[in-house]
Amino acid sequence: MAKACNKNTVLLVGSAPGWPHGIIDDIPAIGKLGVEKGIPVHVDACYGGFVVPFLGRAGKLAKKFDFTVPGVSSISADIHKYGLANKGASLIMYADREYRKFQFSSWAEWNGGLYVSPTIQGSRSGALMAQAWASMRLQGYSGYTEIALQLDGILQKLTAFIDSMPEFERLGRADACAFAFRMKPEAEKAIGASTLMFAEALEQFGWEVNRLQFP
C-alpha cells in the first residue's frame, strides 16, 4: 500500500472484515501510514460493524479497527446486515466533522432551485431510518454481543469441520463473520467433482452456500 501511494492518493481503505474471507486488515498499520503521509484512512466495516466491536468487548477478538486507532478518519457499517435492520440502512461515522462537509451533494441548476442533500443518493424513506434506529435500540449492547458470540461459535465449528476434511482447504484465516473455502484442485481431479458441485449438494440439506468465481 505504501508503494502505491502518490500525489494523487486521497484515501487509504481497510476492511473489518473483508468479504468473503472474513479477514480484518491491519488497520493500525494502515492508520500509521495515513498519519505519516497525511492521508485520511477509511475503515469499511459494512459487513462486520455490528459484530467485530462486540466480539472485542467480549474478549474474543483483539484486533483494533475503530477511532482508537491513530489515523482512522471514517468508518462505515451496514445496519441492514448484522444490525438486523431492513435492506437499505447504513451509516458512516467521522472522527472529525470537517470530513462530513465533503459528503454533501449540491446542485444549483435544478429547475426547482438549489438542491442540497447529505448524500449523492438524495431523498430516501424516513421509515428505513426509523426502523434501523428501533432495531439498534431493541438489541442494544447485550443483544448485539449475544448475536456476535453466536456467530463466532458457528464460525469456529464450521471452520474446524472444513479443516478436518483433507479434500478441502480454507482461503485465508478468518477473524469474523465469514470464511472462504474450496475443494483442493487435486481432490477435484481425483474424485471428478468440484467446489460448486459440493455447494449444490449442500443445498439438498438446506444449506445456502454463496458461490464466488474467484474467491
N, C-alpha and C. Protein backbone atom coordinates (compact mmCIF):
# COMPACT_ATOMS: atom_id res chain seq x y z
N MET A 1 0.82 -1.19 0.00
CA MET A 1 0.00 0.00 0.00
C MET A 1 0.87 1.26 0.00
N ALA A 2 1.94 1.23 0.78
CA ALA A 2 2.84 2.38 0.83
C ALA A 2 3.44 2.68 -0.53
N LYS A 3 3.80 1.63 -1.26
CA LYS A 3 4.38 1.81 -2.58
C LYS A 3 3.39 2.37 -3.58
N ALA A 4 2.10 2.10 -3.34
CA ALA A 4 1.07 2.55 -4.28
C ALA A 4 0.67 4.01 -4.05
N CYS A 5 1.05 4.57 -2.92
CA CYS A 5 0.69 5.96 -2.62
C CYS A 5 1.49 6.93 -3.48
N ASN A 6 0.82 7.97 -3.98
CA ASN A 6 1.48 9.04 -4.71
C ASN A 6 0.74 10.34 -4.48
N LYS A 7 1.04 11.36 -5.24
CA LYS A 7 0.43 12.67 -5.01
C LYS A 7 -1.06 12.68 -5.30
N ASN A 8 -1.55 11.68 -6.00
CA ASN A 8 -2.98 11.60 -6.33
C ASN A 8 -3.78 10.76 -5.34
N THR A 9 -3.13 10.20 -4.34
CA THR A 9 -3.82 9.36 -3.37
C THR A 9 -4.61 10.22 -2.40
N VAL A 10 -5.92 10.01 -2.35
CA VAL A 10 -6.78 10.83 -1.50
C VAL A 10 -7.31 10.07 -0.29
N LEU A 11 -7.19 8.72 -0.30
CA LEU A 11 -7.77 7.94 0.78
C LEU A 11 -7.11 6.55 0.85
N LEU A 12 -6.92 6.08 2.06
CA LEU A 12 -6.48 4.70 2.28
C LEU A 12 -7.65 3.94 2.90
N VAL A 13 -7.85 2.70 2.48
CA VAL A 13 -9.02 1.94 2.93
C VAL A 13 -8.60 0.56 3.43
N GLY A 14 -9.19 0.16 4.54
CA GLY A 14 -9.01 -1.18 5.07
C GLY A 14 -10.36 -1.77 5.42
N SER A 15 -10.46 -3.09 5.48
CA SER A 15 -11.73 -3.76 5.77
C SER A 15 -11.71 -4.42 7.14
N ALA A 16 -12.90 -4.46 7.77
CA ALA A 16 -13.01 -5.07 9.09
C ALA A 16 -14.34 -5.81 9.23
N PRO A 17 -14.46 -7.02 8.71
CA PRO A 17 -13.50 -7.73 7.87
C PRO A 17 -13.87 -7.58 6.40
N GLY A 18 -13.06 -8.21 5.53
CA GLY A 18 -13.34 -8.20 4.10
C GLY A 18 -14.15 -9.42 3.71
N TRP A 19 -14.92 -9.28 2.66
CA TRP A 19 -15.71 -10.37 2.11
C TRP A 19 -14.93 -11.00 0.95
N PRO A 20 -14.87 -12.31 0.80
CA PRO A 20 -15.58 -13.33 1.59
C PRO A 20 -14.69 -14.02 2.63
N HIS A 21 -13.47 -13.53 2.83
CA HIS A 21 -12.52 -14.29 3.63
C HIS A 21 -12.66 -14.06 5.13
N GLY A 22 -13.37 -12.99 5.53
CA GLY A 22 -13.55 -12.72 6.94
C GLY A 22 -12.29 -12.25 7.64
N ILE A 23 -11.35 -11.72 6.88
CA ILE A 23 -10.07 -11.28 7.43
C ILE A 23 -10.10 -9.78 7.71
N ILE A 24 -9.71 -9.40 8.91
CA ILE A 24 -9.62 -7.99 9.26
C ILE A 24 -8.24 -7.47 8.87
N ASP A 25 -8.21 -6.44 8.07
CA ASP A 25 -6.94 -5.87 7.64
C ASP A 25 -6.18 -5.28 8.83
N ASP A 26 -4.90 -5.06 8.65
CA ASP A 26 -4.07 -4.47 9.70
C ASP A 26 -4.35 -2.97 9.74
N ILE A 27 -5.43 -2.62 10.40
CA ILE A 27 -5.86 -1.22 10.45
C ILE A 27 -4.84 -0.33 11.16
N PRO A 28 -4.24 -0.75 12.28
CA PRO A 28 -3.21 0.10 12.90
C PRO A 28 -2.06 0.44 11.95
N ALA A 29 -1.64 -0.53 11.12
CA ALA A 29 -0.55 -0.27 10.17
C ALA A 29 -1.00 0.70 9.09
N ILE A 30 -2.24 0.54 8.62
CA ILE A 30 -2.77 1.45 7.61
C ILE A 30 -2.94 2.85 8.20
N GLY A 31 -3.41 2.90 9.45
CA GLY A 31 -3.56 4.19 10.12
C GLY A 31 -2.23 4.90 10.28
N LYS A 32 -1.20 4.15 10.64
CA LYS A 32 0.15 4.72 10.78
C LYS A 32 0.64 5.28 9.46
N LEU A 33 0.38 4.54 8.38
CA LEU A 33 0.77 5.00 7.05
C LEU A 33 0.03 6.29 6.70
N GLY A 34 -1.27 6.33 7.05
CA GLY A 34 -2.06 7.53 6.77
C GLY A 34 -1.52 8.74 7.50
N VAL A 35 -1.14 8.55 8.76
CA VAL A 35 -0.58 9.65 9.56
C VAL A 35 0.73 10.12 8.95
N GLU A 36 1.58 9.18 8.58
CA GLU A 36 2.89 9.53 8.02
C GLU A 36 2.78 10.32 6.72
N LYS A 37 1.78 9.96 5.91
CA LYS A 37 1.64 10.61 4.60
C LYS A 37 0.56 11.68 4.58
N GLY A 38 -0.12 11.87 5.70
CA GLY A 38 -1.15 12.89 5.75
C GLY A 38 -2.37 12.55 4.90
N ILE A 39 -2.71 11.28 4.84
CA ILE A 39 -3.84 10.81 4.03
C ILE A 39 -4.91 10.23 4.95
N PRO A 40 -6.18 10.61 4.79
CA PRO A 40 -7.26 10.05 5.62
C PRO A 40 -7.37 8.54 5.43
N VAL A 41 -7.81 7.86 6.47
CA VAL A 41 -7.98 6.40 6.43
C VAL A 41 -9.45 6.06 6.70
N HIS A 42 -10.03 5.29 5.78
CA HIS A 42 -11.42 4.83 5.96
C HIS A 42 -11.43 3.35 6.27
N VAL A 43 -12.26 2.96 7.22
CA VAL A 43 -12.43 1.55 7.56
C VAL A 43 -13.80 1.09 7.06
N ASP A 44 -13.77 0.13 6.14
CA ASP A 44 -15.01 -0.45 5.63
C ASP A 44 -15.42 -1.57 6.58
N ALA A 45 -16.30 -1.24 7.51
CA ALA A 45 -16.83 -2.22 8.45
C ALA A 45 -18.29 -2.50 8.14
N CYS A 46 -18.66 -2.35 6.85
CA CYS A 46 -20.05 -2.56 6.46
C CYS A 46 -20.52 -3.96 6.82
N TYR A 47 -19.64 -4.93 6.69
CA TYR A 47 -20.01 -6.32 6.98
C TYR A 47 -19.90 -6.64 8.47
N GLY A 48 -18.85 -6.17 9.10
CA GLY A 48 -18.61 -6.57 10.49
C GLY A 48 -18.83 -5.50 11.53
N GLY A 49 -19.39 -4.37 11.14
CA GLY A 49 -19.54 -3.26 12.07
C GLY A 49 -20.40 -3.54 13.28
N PHE A 50 -21.31 -4.51 13.17
CA PHE A 50 -22.17 -4.86 14.30
C PHE A 50 -21.80 -6.23 14.88
N VAL A 51 -20.60 -6.70 14.53
CA VAL A 51 -20.10 -7.97 15.06
C VAL A 51 -18.74 -7.77 15.73
N VAL A 52 -17.78 -7.23 14.99
CA VAL A 52 -16.41 -7.11 15.46
C VAL A 52 -16.29 -6.31 16.77
N PRO A 53 -16.96 -5.17 16.92
CA PRO A 53 -16.82 -4.42 18.18
C PRO A 53 -17.30 -5.22 19.38
N PHE A 54 -18.35 -6.00 19.19
CA PHE A 54 -18.93 -6.73 20.31
C PHE A 54 -18.13 -8.00 20.64
N LEU A 55 -17.45 -8.55 19.64
CA LEU A 55 -16.51 -9.63 19.93
C LEU A 55 -15.34 -9.09 20.73
N GLY A 56 -14.93 -7.86 20.41
CA GLY A 56 -13.86 -7.22 21.16
C GLY A 56 -14.26 -6.97 22.60
N ARG A 57 -15.50 -6.49 22.79
CA ARG A 57 -15.99 -6.23 24.15
C ARG A 57 -16.07 -7.51 24.97
N ALA A 58 -16.34 -8.62 24.28
CA ALA A 58 -16.46 -9.91 24.96
C ALA A 58 -15.12 -10.62 25.14
N GLY A 59 -14.04 -9.98 24.67
CA GLY A 59 -12.72 -10.57 24.82
C GLY A 59 -12.40 -11.67 23.83
N LYS A 60 -13.16 -11.74 22.74
CA LYS A 60 -12.97 -12.79 21.74
C LYS A 60 -12.09 -12.35 20.57
N LEU A 61 -11.89 -11.06 20.44
CA LEU A 61 -11.13 -10.56 19.29
C LEU A 61 -10.35 -9.33 19.72
N ALA A 62 -9.05 -9.36 19.48
CA ALA A 62 -8.19 -8.29 19.97
C ALA A 62 -7.84 -7.26 18.90
N LYS A 63 -8.17 -7.54 17.65
CA LYS A 63 -7.77 -6.63 16.57
C LYS A 63 -8.51 -5.30 16.66
N LYS A 64 -7.77 -4.21 16.50
CA LYS A 64 -8.34 -2.87 16.58
C LYS A 64 -8.68 -2.35 15.19
N PHE A 65 -9.77 -1.61 15.10
CA PHE A 65 -10.17 -1.06 13.80
C PHE A 65 -10.89 0.27 13.93
N ASP A 66 -11.17 0.73 15.13
CA ASP A 66 -12.05 1.88 15.32
C ASP A 66 -11.27 3.19 15.48
N PHE A 67 -11.94 4.21 16.05
CA PHE A 67 -11.34 5.53 16.17
C PHE A 67 -10.25 5.59 17.24
N THR A 68 -10.06 4.52 17.99
CA THR A 68 -8.94 4.49 18.92
C THR A 68 -7.62 4.28 18.19
N VAL A 69 -7.71 3.89 16.92
CA VAL A 69 -6.52 3.69 16.09
C VAL A 69 -6.10 5.04 15.48
N PRO A 70 -4.93 5.54 15.77
CA PRO A 70 -4.49 6.80 15.19
C PRO A 70 -4.51 6.75 13.66
N GLY A 71 -5.10 7.78 13.06
CA GLY A 71 -5.15 7.86 11.61
C GLY A 71 -6.50 7.52 11.02
N VAL A 72 -7.31 6.74 11.73
CA VAL A 72 -8.64 6.39 11.20
C VAL A 72 -9.53 7.62 11.22
N SER A 73 -10.04 7.98 10.06
CA SER A 73 -10.84 9.21 9.94
C SER A 73 -12.32 8.93 9.73
N SER A 74 -12.65 7.72 9.21
CA SER A 74 -14.07 7.41 8.98
C SER A 74 -14.29 5.90 9.03
N ILE A 75 -15.50 5.53 9.40
CA ILE A 75 -15.89 4.12 9.48
C ILE A 75 -17.31 3.98 8.93
N SER A 76 -17.52 2.97 8.10
CA SER A 76 -18.86 2.71 7.59
C SER A 76 -19.35 1.36 8.10
N ALA A 77 -20.65 1.23 8.29
CA ALA A 77 -21.25 -0.03 8.76
C ALA A 77 -22.66 -0.12 8.20
N ASP A 78 -23.04 -1.32 7.80
CA ASP A 78 -24.39 -1.56 7.29
C ASP A 78 -25.28 -2.06 8.41
N ILE A 79 -26.29 -1.27 8.74
CA ILE A 79 -27.23 -1.70 9.77
C ILE A 79 -28.11 -2.83 9.24
N HIS A 80 -28.26 -2.89 7.90
CA HIS A 80 -29.12 -3.91 7.34
C HIS A 80 -28.46 -5.29 7.27
N LYS A 81 -27.23 -5.40 7.74
CA LYS A 81 -26.61 -6.72 7.83
C LYS A 81 -26.81 -7.21 9.26
N TYR A 82 -25.74 -7.30 10.03
CA TYR A 82 -25.88 -7.83 11.39
C TYR A 82 -26.43 -6.81 12.38
N GLY A 83 -26.76 -5.62 11.88
CA GLY A 83 -27.50 -4.68 12.71
C GLY A 83 -28.97 -5.05 12.78
N LEU A 84 -29.37 -6.01 11.92
CA LEU A 84 -30.72 -6.59 11.90
C LEU A 84 -31.81 -5.59 11.51
N ALA A 85 -31.48 -4.67 10.62
CA ALA A 85 -32.46 -3.74 10.09
C ALA A 85 -32.79 -4.14 8.66
N ASN A 86 -33.81 -3.53 8.10
CA ASN A 86 -34.20 -3.82 6.72
C ASN A 86 -33.16 -3.29 5.73
N LYS A 87 -33.15 -3.86 4.53
CA LYS A 87 -32.20 -3.50 3.49
C LYS A 87 -32.26 -2.02 3.16
N GLY A 88 -31.08 -1.42 3.06
CA GLY A 88 -31.00 -0.02 2.68
C GLY A 88 -30.63 0.91 3.82
N ALA A 89 -30.27 0.35 4.98
CA ALA A 89 -29.92 1.18 6.13
C ALA A 89 -28.43 1.01 6.44
N SER A 90 -27.68 2.07 6.25
CA SER A 90 -26.25 2.06 6.52
C SER A 90 -25.85 3.33 7.24
N LEU A 91 -24.66 3.35 7.76
CA LEU A 91 -24.19 4.56 8.43
C LEU A 91 -22.71 4.78 8.13
N ILE A 92 -22.31 6.03 8.25
CA ILE A 92 -20.90 6.38 8.15
C ILE A 92 -20.59 7.35 9.27
N MET A 93 -19.47 7.12 9.92
CA MET A 93 -19.06 7.95 11.05
C MET A 93 -17.72 8.60 10.75
N TYR A 94 -17.54 9.81 11.26
CA TYR A 94 -16.30 10.55 11.02
C TYR A 94 -15.63 10.90 12.34
N ALA A 95 -14.31 10.85 12.35
CA ALA A 95 -13.57 11.24 13.53
C ALA A 95 -13.60 12.75 13.72
N ASP A 96 -13.77 13.47 12.63
CA ASP A 96 -13.81 14.93 12.65
C ASP A 96 -14.95 15.38 11.74
N ARG A 97 -15.82 16.22 12.25
CA ARG A 97 -16.97 16.65 11.46
C ARG A 97 -16.57 17.45 10.23
N GLU A 98 -15.34 17.90 10.16
CA GLU A 98 -14.87 18.62 8.98
C GLU A 98 -14.93 17.72 7.74
N TYR A 99 -14.72 16.41 7.94
CA TYR A 99 -14.79 15.48 6.81
C TYR A 99 -16.21 15.37 6.27
N ARG A 100 -17.18 15.53 7.15
CA ARG A 100 -18.58 15.34 6.75
C ARG A 100 -19.04 16.35 5.71
N LYS A 101 -18.50 17.52 5.73
CA LYS A 101 -18.96 18.54 4.79
C LYS A 101 -18.68 18.16 3.35
N PHE A 102 -17.71 17.29 3.13
CA PHE A 102 -17.41 16.84 1.77
C PHE A 102 -18.39 15.77 1.29
N GLN A 103 -19.22 15.29 2.21
CA GLN A 103 -20.20 14.26 1.87
C GLN A 103 -21.42 14.86 1.16
N PHE A 104 -21.70 16.12 1.42
CA PHE A 104 -22.91 16.75 0.89
C PHE A 104 -22.84 16.92 -0.62
N SER A 105 -23.98 16.74 -1.24
CA SER A 105 -24.10 16.92 -2.69
C SER A 105 -25.06 18.08 -2.96
N SER A 106 -24.64 19.01 -3.79
CA SER A 106 -25.50 20.17 -4.09
C SER A 106 -25.58 20.40 -5.60
N TRP A 107 -26.71 20.90 -6.02
CA TRP A 107 -26.95 21.18 -7.44
C TRP A 107 -27.70 22.50 -7.55
N ALA A 108 -27.03 23.51 -8.10
CA ALA A 108 -27.60 24.86 -8.14
C ALA A 108 -28.43 25.11 -9.39
N GLU A 109 -28.37 24.23 -10.40
CA GLU A 109 -29.06 24.47 -11.67
C GLU A 109 -30.35 23.67 -11.81
N TRP A 110 -30.81 23.07 -10.71
CA TRP A 110 -32.09 22.35 -10.74
C TRP A 110 -33.21 23.35 -10.96
N ASN A 111 -34.25 22.95 -11.73
CA ASN A 111 -35.31 23.92 -12.05
C ASN A 111 -36.13 24.32 -10.83
N GLY A 112 -35.96 23.60 -9.73
CA GLY A 112 -36.68 23.99 -8.51
C GLY A 112 -35.85 24.87 -7.61
N GLY A 113 -34.63 25.16 -8.04
CA GLY A 113 -33.74 25.97 -7.24
C GLY A 113 -32.59 25.16 -6.69
N LEU A 114 -31.99 25.64 -5.62
CA LEU A 114 -30.84 24.97 -5.03
C LEU A 114 -31.28 23.66 -4.40
N TYR A 115 -30.62 22.56 -4.82
CA TYR A 115 -30.92 21.23 -4.25
C TYR A 115 -29.69 20.76 -3.50
N VAL A 116 -29.86 20.49 -2.23
CA VAL A 116 -28.76 20.03 -1.38
C VAL A 116 -29.19 18.77 -0.64
N SER A 117 -28.34 17.78 -0.67
CA SER A 117 -28.62 16.51 0.00
C SER A 117 -27.39 16.06 0.76
N PRO A 118 -27.56 15.41 1.92
CA PRO A 118 -26.40 14.93 2.67
C PRO A 118 -25.68 13.76 1.99
N THR A 119 -26.29 13.19 0.95
CA THR A 119 -25.66 12.11 0.20
C THR A 119 -25.91 12.29 -1.28
N ILE A 120 -25.19 11.56 -2.11
CA ILE A 120 -25.42 11.61 -3.55
C ILE A 120 -26.78 11.06 -3.90
N GLN A 121 -27.23 10.09 -3.12
CA GLN A 121 -28.49 9.41 -3.41
C GLN A 121 -29.69 10.35 -3.35
N GLY A 122 -29.67 11.33 -2.49
CA GLY A 122 -30.81 12.23 -2.38
C GLY A 122 -31.82 11.74 -1.37
N SER A 123 -33.08 12.02 -1.62
CA SER A 123 -34.12 11.68 -0.66
C SER A 123 -34.31 10.18 -0.54
N ARG A 124 -34.73 9.74 0.64
CA ARG A 124 -35.00 8.33 0.88
C ARG A 124 -36.06 8.21 1.97
N SER A 125 -36.59 7.03 2.12
CA SER A 125 -37.67 6.81 3.07
C SER A 125 -37.21 7.02 4.50
N GLY A 126 -37.98 7.82 5.24
CA GLY A 126 -37.68 8.01 6.66
C GLY A 126 -37.99 6.76 7.47
N ALA A 127 -38.85 5.90 6.90
CA ALA A 127 -39.20 4.66 7.60
C ALA A 127 -37.99 3.75 7.77
N LEU A 128 -37.09 3.74 6.76
CA LEU A 128 -35.89 2.93 6.86
C LEU A 128 -35.03 3.37 8.04
N MET A 129 -34.87 4.66 8.18
CA MET A 129 -34.06 5.18 9.27
C MET A 129 -34.72 4.91 10.62
N ALA A 130 -36.05 5.02 10.65
CA ALA A 130 -36.77 4.80 11.90
C ALA A 130 -36.66 3.35 12.36
N GLN A 131 -36.83 2.42 11.43
CA GLN A 131 -36.76 1.01 11.84
C GLN A 131 -35.33 0.59 12.17
N ALA A 132 -34.34 1.22 11.51
CA ALA A 132 -32.95 0.93 11.84
C ALA A 132 -32.63 1.39 13.27
N TRP A 133 -33.10 2.58 13.59
CA TRP A 133 -32.91 3.11 14.95
C TRP A 133 -33.61 2.23 15.97
N ALA A 134 -34.83 1.79 15.63
CA ALA A 134 -35.58 0.93 16.56
C ALA A 134 -34.88 -0.40 16.77
N SER A 135 -34.31 -0.96 15.69
CA SER A 135 -33.60 -2.23 15.80
C SER A 135 -32.38 -2.10 16.71
N MET A 136 -31.64 -1.02 16.55
CA MET A 136 -30.45 -0.82 17.38
C MET A 136 -30.83 -0.63 18.85
N ARG A 137 -31.91 0.11 19.07
CA ARG A 137 -32.37 0.33 20.43
C ARG A 137 -32.86 -0.97 21.06
N LEU A 138 -33.51 -1.80 20.25
CA LEU A 138 -34.03 -3.07 20.76
C LEU A 138 -32.91 -4.03 21.14
N GLN A 139 -31.92 -4.16 20.27
CA GLN A 139 -30.83 -5.10 20.53
C GLN A 139 -29.90 -4.60 21.63
N GLY A 140 -29.46 -3.36 21.51
CA GLY A 140 -28.55 -2.80 22.49
C GLY A 140 -27.23 -3.56 22.57
N TYR A 141 -26.39 -3.17 23.52
CA TYR A 141 -25.09 -3.82 23.68
C TYR A 141 -25.23 -5.31 23.96
N SER A 142 -26.14 -5.65 24.86
CA SER A 142 -26.27 -7.06 25.25
C SER A 142 -26.77 -7.91 24.11
N GLY A 143 -27.73 -7.40 23.34
CA GLY A 143 -28.28 -8.17 22.22
C GLY A 143 -27.26 -8.40 21.13
N TYR A 144 -26.54 -7.36 20.75
CA TYR A 144 -25.53 -7.49 19.70
C TYR A 144 -24.35 -8.35 20.17
N THR A 145 -24.02 -8.27 21.44
CA THR A 145 -22.94 -9.11 21.96
C THR A 145 -23.33 -10.58 21.90
N GLU A 146 -24.57 -10.88 22.27
CA GLU A 146 -25.05 -12.26 22.22
C GLU A 146 -25.04 -12.79 20.79
N ILE A 147 -25.50 -11.98 19.85
CA ILE A 147 -25.51 -12.39 18.44
C ILE A 147 -24.10 -12.60 17.93
N ALA A 148 -23.19 -11.69 18.27
CA ALA A 148 -21.79 -11.80 17.82
C ALA A 148 -21.16 -13.08 18.34
N LEU A 149 -21.42 -13.43 19.59
CA LEU A 149 -20.85 -14.64 20.16
C LEU A 149 -21.43 -15.89 19.51
N GLN A 150 -22.72 -15.85 19.18
CA GLN A 150 -23.33 -16.97 18.48
C GLN A 150 -22.69 -17.15 17.10
N LEU A 151 -22.51 -16.05 16.38
CA LEU A 151 -21.88 -16.11 15.06
C LEU A 151 -20.45 -16.63 15.16
N ASP A 152 -19.73 -16.19 16.17
CA ASP A 152 -18.36 -16.64 16.34
C ASP A 152 -18.31 -18.14 16.63
N GLY A 153 -19.24 -18.60 17.42
CA GLY A 153 -19.30 -20.03 17.73
C GLY A 153 -19.57 -20.86 16.49
N ILE A 154 -20.48 -20.38 15.65
CA ILE A 154 -20.79 -21.08 14.40
C ILE A 154 -19.57 -21.07 13.47
N LEU A 155 -18.91 -19.91 13.39
CA LEU A 155 -17.71 -19.80 12.54
C LEU A 155 -16.64 -20.80 12.98
N GLN A 156 -16.42 -20.90 14.27
CA GLN A 156 -15.39 -21.82 14.77
C GLN A 156 -15.74 -23.27 14.46
N LYS A 157 -17.00 -23.63 14.59
CA LYS A 157 -17.42 -25.01 14.31
C LYS A 157 -17.28 -25.34 12.83
N LEU A 158 -17.72 -24.42 11.98
CA LEU A 158 -17.67 -24.67 10.54
C LEU A 158 -16.23 -24.74 10.02
N THR A 159 -15.40 -23.83 10.49
CA THR A 159 -14.01 -23.85 10.02
C THR A 159 -13.27 -25.09 10.53
N ALA A 160 -13.59 -25.50 11.74
CA ALA A 160 -12.98 -26.72 12.27
C ALA A 160 -13.40 -27.94 11.44
N PHE A 161 -14.67 -27.94 11.01
CA PHE A 161 -15.17 -29.05 10.19
C PHE A 161 -14.47 -29.08 8.84
N ILE A 162 -14.33 -27.91 8.21
CA ILE A 162 -13.64 -27.85 6.91
C ILE A 162 -12.19 -28.27 7.06
N ASP A 163 -11.56 -27.84 8.15
CA ASP A 163 -10.15 -28.20 8.37
C ASP A 163 -9.97 -29.70 8.58
N SER A 164 -11.03 -30.37 9.03
CA SER A 164 -10.93 -31.81 9.29
C SER A 164 -11.09 -32.64 8.02
N MET A 165 -11.46 -32.01 6.92
CA MET A 165 -11.68 -32.73 5.67
C MET A 165 -10.48 -32.53 4.75
N PRO A 166 -9.72 -33.59 4.48
CA PRO A 166 -8.49 -33.45 3.70
C PRO A 166 -8.72 -33.00 2.26
N GLU A 167 -9.95 -33.12 1.76
CA GLU A 167 -10.23 -32.73 0.38
C GLU A 167 -10.42 -31.22 0.23
N PHE A 168 -10.55 -30.51 1.35
CA PHE A 168 -10.86 -29.08 1.30
C PHE A 168 -9.78 -28.25 1.96
N GLU A 169 -9.78 -26.97 1.63
CA GLU A 169 -8.86 -26.03 2.25
C GLU A 169 -9.52 -24.67 2.38
N ARG A 170 -9.16 -23.98 3.45
CA ARG A 170 -9.66 -22.62 3.63
C ARG A 170 -8.76 -21.63 2.90
N LEU A 171 -9.35 -20.53 2.45
CA LEU A 171 -8.61 -19.47 1.78
C LEU A 171 -8.44 -18.32 2.78
N GLY A 172 -7.30 -18.31 3.45
CA GLY A 172 -7.08 -17.33 4.50
C GLY A 172 -7.61 -17.83 5.83
N ARG A 173 -7.26 -17.11 6.90
CA ARG A 173 -7.69 -17.48 8.24
C ARG A 173 -8.66 -16.41 8.73
N ALA A 174 -9.92 -16.77 8.78
CA ALA A 174 -10.98 -15.80 9.08
C ALA A 174 -10.90 -15.28 10.51
N ASP A 175 -11.19 -13.98 10.68
CA ASP A 175 -11.29 -13.37 12.00
C ASP A 175 -12.73 -13.31 12.48
N ALA A 176 -13.65 -13.05 11.57
CA ALA A 176 -15.05 -12.88 11.96
C ALA A 176 -15.97 -12.90 10.75
N CYS A 177 -17.22 -13.25 11.01
CA CYS A 177 -18.35 -13.10 10.08
C CYS A 177 -18.43 -14.13 8.96
N ALA A 178 -17.34 -14.44 8.31
CA ALA A 178 -17.40 -15.33 7.14
C ALA A 178 -16.05 -16.01 6.94
N PHE A 179 -16.04 -17.03 6.10
CA PHE A 179 -14.78 -17.65 5.70
C PHE A 179 -14.96 -18.23 4.30
N ALA A 180 -13.85 -18.37 3.60
CA ALA A 180 -13.88 -18.91 2.25
C ALA A 180 -13.16 -20.25 2.22
N PHE A 181 -13.69 -21.17 1.44
CA PHE A 181 -13.04 -22.47 1.31
C PHE A 181 -13.27 -23.01 -0.10
N ARG A 182 -12.51 -23.99 -0.45
CA ARG A 182 -12.66 -24.64 -1.74
C ARG A 182 -12.19 -26.08 -1.66
N MET A 183 -12.59 -26.86 -2.63
CA MET A 183 -12.06 -28.20 -2.75
C MET A 183 -10.67 -28.09 -3.38
N LYS A 184 -9.73 -28.82 -2.83
CA LYS A 184 -8.37 -28.76 -3.36
C LYS A 184 -8.36 -29.23 -4.81
N PRO A 185 -7.59 -28.57 -5.68
CA PRO A 185 -7.55 -28.95 -7.10
C PRO A 185 -7.25 -30.43 -7.32
N GLU A 186 -6.33 -30.99 -6.53
CA GLU A 186 -6.00 -32.40 -6.71
C GLU A 186 -7.17 -33.31 -6.32
N ALA A 187 -7.97 -32.85 -5.33
CA ALA A 187 -9.13 -33.62 -4.92
C ALA A 187 -10.22 -33.56 -5.98
N GLU A 188 -10.39 -32.38 -6.57
CA GLU A 188 -11.37 -32.26 -7.65
C GLU A 188 -11.05 -33.22 -8.80
N LYS A 189 -9.78 -33.29 -9.11
CA LYS A 189 -9.35 -34.15 -10.22
C LYS A 189 -9.50 -35.62 -9.87
N ALA A 190 -9.20 -35.96 -8.62
CA ALA A 190 -9.22 -37.36 -8.20
C ALA A 190 -10.63 -37.93 -8.13
N ILE A 191 -11.58 -37.12 -7.64
CA ILE A 191 -12.93 -37.66 -7.46
C ILE A 191 -13.92 -37.18 -8.51
N GLY A 192 -13.44 -36.33 -9.42
CA GLY A 192 -14.31 -35.87 -10.51
C GLY A 192 -15.44 -34.98 -10.05
N ALA A 193 -15.18 -34.16 -9.04
CA ALA A 193 -16.19 -33.24 -8.52
C ALA A 193 -15.58 -31.85 -8.43
N SER A 194 -16.35 -30.90 -7.95
CA SER A 194 -15.85 -29.53 -7.83
C SER A 194 -16.47 -28.86 -6.62
N THR A 195 -15.92 -27.72 -6.27
CA THR A 195 -16.45 -26.95 -5.14
C THR A 195 -17.90 -26.56 -5.40
N LEU A 196 -18.21 -26.17 -6.64
CA LEU A 196 -19.56 -25.76 -6.97
C LEU A 196 -20.54 -26.94 -6.87
N MET A 197 -20.09 -28.11 -7.24
CA MET A 197 -20.93 -29.30 -7.11
C MET A 197 -21.19 -29.61 -5.63
N PHE A 198 -20.17 -29.39 -4.80
CA PHE A 198 -20.32 -29.60 -3.37
C PHE A 198 -21.35 -28.63 -2.80
N ALA A 199 -21.28 -27.37 -3.26
CA ALA A 199 -22.24 -26.36 -2.79
C ALA A 199 -23.66 -26.73 -3.18
N GLU A 200 -23.83 -27.25 -4.39
CA GLU A 200 -25.16 -27.68 -4.84
C GLU A 200 -25.67 -28.84 -4.01
N ALA A 201 -24.77 -29.75 -3.65
CA ALA A 201 -25.16 -30.88 -2.82
C ALA A 201 -25.60 -30.42 -1.43
N LEU A 202 -24.92 -29.42 -0.89
CA LEU A 202 -25.27 -28.90 0.43
C LEU A 202 -26.68 -28.32 0.44
N GLU A 203 -27.09 -27.74 -0.69
CA GLU A 203 -28.43 -27.16 -0.76
C GLU A 203 -29.51 -28.20 -0.57
N GLN A 204 -29.22 -29.44 -0.92
CA GLN A 204 -30.19 -30.51 -0.74
C GLN A 204 -30.46 -30.77 0.75
N PHE A 205 -29.53 -30.30 1.58
CA PHE A 205 -29.68 -30.48 3.03
C PHE A 205 -30.07 -29.16 3.72
N GLY A 206 -30.48 -28.18 2.92
CA GLY A 206 -30.96 -26.93 3.48
C GLY A 206 -29.90 -25.87 3.73
N TRP A 207 -28.67 -26.08 3.25
CA TRP A 207 -27.60 -25.09 3.42
C TRP A 207 -27.56 -24.15 2.22
N GLU A 208 -27.38 -22.87 2.50
CA GLU A 208 -27.20 -21.88 1.45
C GLU A 208 -25.73 -21.47 1.43
N VAL A 209 -25.02 -21.81 0.37
CA VAL A 209 -23.60 -21.51 0.27
C VAL A 209 -23.37 -20.52 -0.86
N ASN A 210 -22.79 -19.38 -0.52
CA ASN A 210 -22.51 -18.37 -1.53
C ASN A 210 -21.40 -18.84 -2.44
N ARG A 211 -21.59 -18.69 -3.73
CA ARG A 211 -20.60 -19.13 -4.71
C ARG A 211 -19.91 -17.94 -5.34
N LEU A 212 -18.59 -17.98 -5.34
CA LEU A 212 -17.81 -16.91 -5.94
C LEU A 212 -16.85 -17.53 -6.96
N GLN A 213 -16.70 -16.85 -8.09
CA GLN A 213 -15.86 -17.39 -9.14
C GLN A 213 -14.39 -17.33 -8.79
N PHE A 214 -13.97 -16.20 -8.19
CA PHE A 214 -12.56 -16.04 -7.84
C PHE A 214 -12.41 -15.63 -6.37
N PRO A 215 -12.72 -16.55 -5.45
CA PRO A 215 -12.60 -16.19 -4.02
C PRO A 215 -11.17 -16.00 -3.57
